Amino acid sequence: MDSTRRARLEGVILEELTLAIRREIKDPRVDQATISRVELTEDGRQATVFVSAFSALGQEDSDATIDRCVEGLQSASGFLRRKLGPALQLRYLPELLFKADRGLMNSMRVQELLKQLEAEKKDRSESGGGSDGS
């Protein structure tokens, strides 16, 4: 499968899964699930769906919440796969594999650590007379 077709199918899968999760899945584990991206294998037989979880305030939730979302989506994968059929119109529907996408959470953690380091550096320079060894 060429890369253009694969990219188009990934986009359709992302859209259709997002709609199905919002409208038709009643599992409370997936209430906060957000699909961040989809990666389809070369042969189109497997789609890896990356999932994040966001609270109502727009903040990313804990690892446990994301893991529950992934677990809920994996249990509904057969239903979601059937929902993809009419939109994709492929001979073989891809198997859905859900994985936690912790990229945003990791980025936010790095930002917090950098802020802490900057604050500590500032405190040392103010209290130590400006000789911090650099």
Protein backbone atom coordinates (compact mmCIF):
# COMPACT_ATOMS: atom_id res chain seq x y z
CA MET A 1 0.00 0.00 0.00
CA ASP A 2 1.46 3.37 -0.95
CA SER A 3 2.07 6.04 1.68
CA THR A 4 -0.62 8.43 0.37
CA ARG A 5 -3.34 5.83 0.58
CA ARG A 6 -2.14 4.67 3.98
CA ALA A 7 -2.17 8.26 5.30
CA ARG A 8 -5.71 8.78 3.98
CA LEU A 9 -6.90 5.56 5.61
CA GLU A 10 -5.23 6.54 8.90
CA GLY A 11 -7.15 9.82 8.82
CA VAL A 12 -10.46 8.09 8.12
CA ILE A 13 -9.83 5.58 10.90
CA LEU A 14 -9.04 8.40 13.34
CA GLU A 15 -12.22 10.30 12.43
CA GLU A 16 -14.50 7.28 12.51
CA LEU A 17 -13.13 5.96 15.79
CA THR A 18 -13.44 9.37 17.41
CA LEU A 19 -17.08 9.62 16.36
CA ALA A 20 -17.89 6.08 17.47
CA ILE A 21 -16.24 6.57 20.86
CA ARG A 22 -18.08 9.83 21.50
CA ARG A 23 -21.50 8.70 20.26
CA GLU A 24 -21.84 4.98 20.75
CA ILE A 25 -19.50 3.64 23.42
CA LYS A 26 -21.13 3.72 26.85
CA ASP A 27 -18.18 2.29 28.78
CA PRO A 28 -17.26 4.79 31.56
CA ARG A 29 -13.58 3.85 31.19
CA VAL A 30 -13.41 5.58 27.81
CA ASP A 31 -15.22 8.82 28.68
CA GLN A 32 -11.97 10.78 28.71
CA ALA A 33 -10.28 8.99 25.79
CA THR A 34 -8.82 11.08 23.00
CA ILE A 35 -7.27 9.48 19.95
CA SER A 36 -4.06 11.29 19.13
CA ARG A 37 -2.94 9.36 16.04
CA VAL A 38 -3.30 6.15 14.07
CA GLU A 39 -0.52 4.16 12.41
CA LEU A 40 -1.47 1.57 9.81
CA THR A 41 0.96 -1.22 8.89
CA GLU A 42 2.28 -1.52 5.32
CA ASP A 43 -0.15 -4.30 4.48
CA GLY A 44 -3.09 -2.55 6.17
CA ARG A 45 -3.84 -5.52 8.42
CA GLN A 46 -3.21 -3.75 11.74
CA ALA A 47 -3.91 -0.22 12.96
CA THR A 48 -2.16 0.98 16.10
CA VAL A 49 -4.35 3.61 17.75
CA PHE A 50 -2.62 5.93 20.22
CA VAL A 51 -4.83 7.17 23.04
CA SER A 52 -4.54 10.00 25.57
CA ALA A 53 -6.94 10.82 28.37
CA PHE A 54 -8.01 14.36 29.22
CA SER A 55 -10.17 15.57 32.06
CA ALA A 56 -12.99 18.06 31.61
CA LEU A 57 -10.52 20.84 32.46
CA GLY A 58 -8.33 19.93 29.49
CA GLN A 59 -5.50 18.53 31.59
CA GLU A 60 -4.01 15.14 30.84
CA ASP A 61 -4.91 12.55 33.43
CA SER A 62 -2.76 10.00 35.23
CA ASP A 63 -1.21 6.82 33.88
CA ALA A 64 -3.93 4.77 35.56
CA THR A 65 -6.67 6.71 33.76
CA ILE A 66 -4.97 6.29 30.39
CA ASP A 67 -4.49 2.58 31.05
CA ARG A 68 -8.20 2.20 31.90
CA CYS A 69 -9.11 4.00 28.67
CA VAL A 70 -6.88 1.68 26.65
CA GLU A 71 -8.37 -1.35 28.42
CA GLY A 72 -11.93 -0.16 27.71
CA LEU A 73 -11.17 0.54 24.06
CA GLN A 74 -9.46 -2.80 23.61
CA SER A 75 -12.54 -4.56 24.98
CA ALA A 76 -14.69 -2.63 22.47
CA SER A 77 -12.31 -3.21 19.55
CA GLY A 78 -14.61 -5.69 17.78
CA PHE A 79 -17.51 -3.25 17.90
CA LEU A 80 -15.30 -0.37 16.73
CA ARG A 81 -13.89 -2.50 13.93
CA ARG A 82 -17.40 -3.22 12.64
CA LYS A 83 -18.12 0.52 12.73
CA LEU A 84 -15.09 1.13 10.50
CA GLY A 85 -16.29 -1.27 7.77
CA PRO A 86 -18.66 1.02 5.86
CA ALA A 87 -16.28 3.98 5.98
CA LEU A 88 -13.16 2.11 4.85
CA GLN A 89 -14.63 -0.25 2.24
CA LEU A 90 -11.63 -2.56 2.36
CA ARG A 91 -11.44 -6.29 1.76
CA TYR A 92 -9.77 -6.79 5.13
CA LEU A 93 -10.54 -4.53 8.05
CA PRO A 94 -7.45 -3.82 10.14
CA GLU A 95 -7.11 -5.28 13.61
CA LEU A 96 -7.19 -2.47 16.17
CA LEU A 97 -4.40 -2.29 18.72
CA PHE A 98 -4.77 0.47 21.31
CA LYS A 99 -1.70 1.96 23.01
CA ALA A 100 -1.31 4.74 25.55
CA ASP A 101 0.16 7.94 24.12
CA ARG A 102 2.10 9.52 26.94
CA GLY A 103 3.93 12.02 24.75
CA LEU A 104 2.09 15.09 26.00
CA MET A 105 2.33 13.96 29.60
CA ASN A 106 6.08 13.39 29.22
CA SER A 107 6.52 16.82 27.63
CA MET A 108 4.63 18.48 30.47
CA ARG A 109 6.77 16.63 33.02
CA VAL A 110 9.98 17.80 31.32
CA GLN A 111 8.66 21.39 31.37
CA GLU A 112 7.97 21.13 35.11
CA LEU A 113 11.47 19.76 35.76
CA LEU A 114 13.05 22.56 33.75
CA LYS A 115 11.07 25.15 35.72
CA GLN A 116 12.23 23.57 38.98
CA LEU A 117 15.86 23.61 37.85
CA GLU A 118 15.58 27.24 36.80
CA ALA A 119 14.05 28.18 40.17
CA GLU A 120 16.79 26.31 42.05
CA LYS A 121 19.47 27.98 39.95
CA LYS A 122 17.94 31.39 40.63
CA ASP A 123 17.75 30.67 44.38
CA ARG A 124 21.40 29.57 44.47
CA SER A 125 22.58 32.62 42.59
CA GLU A 126 20.63 34.97 44.89
CA SER A 127 21.73 33.31 48.13
CA GLY A 128 25.30 32.36 47.11
CA GLY A 129 26.45 35.74 45.89
CA GLY A 130 26.34 34.80 42.24
CA SER A 131 29.16 32.21 42.29
CA ASP A 132 27.47 29.09 41.02
CA GLY A 133 30.53 27.69 39.23
CA SER A 134 29.55 28.51 35.64
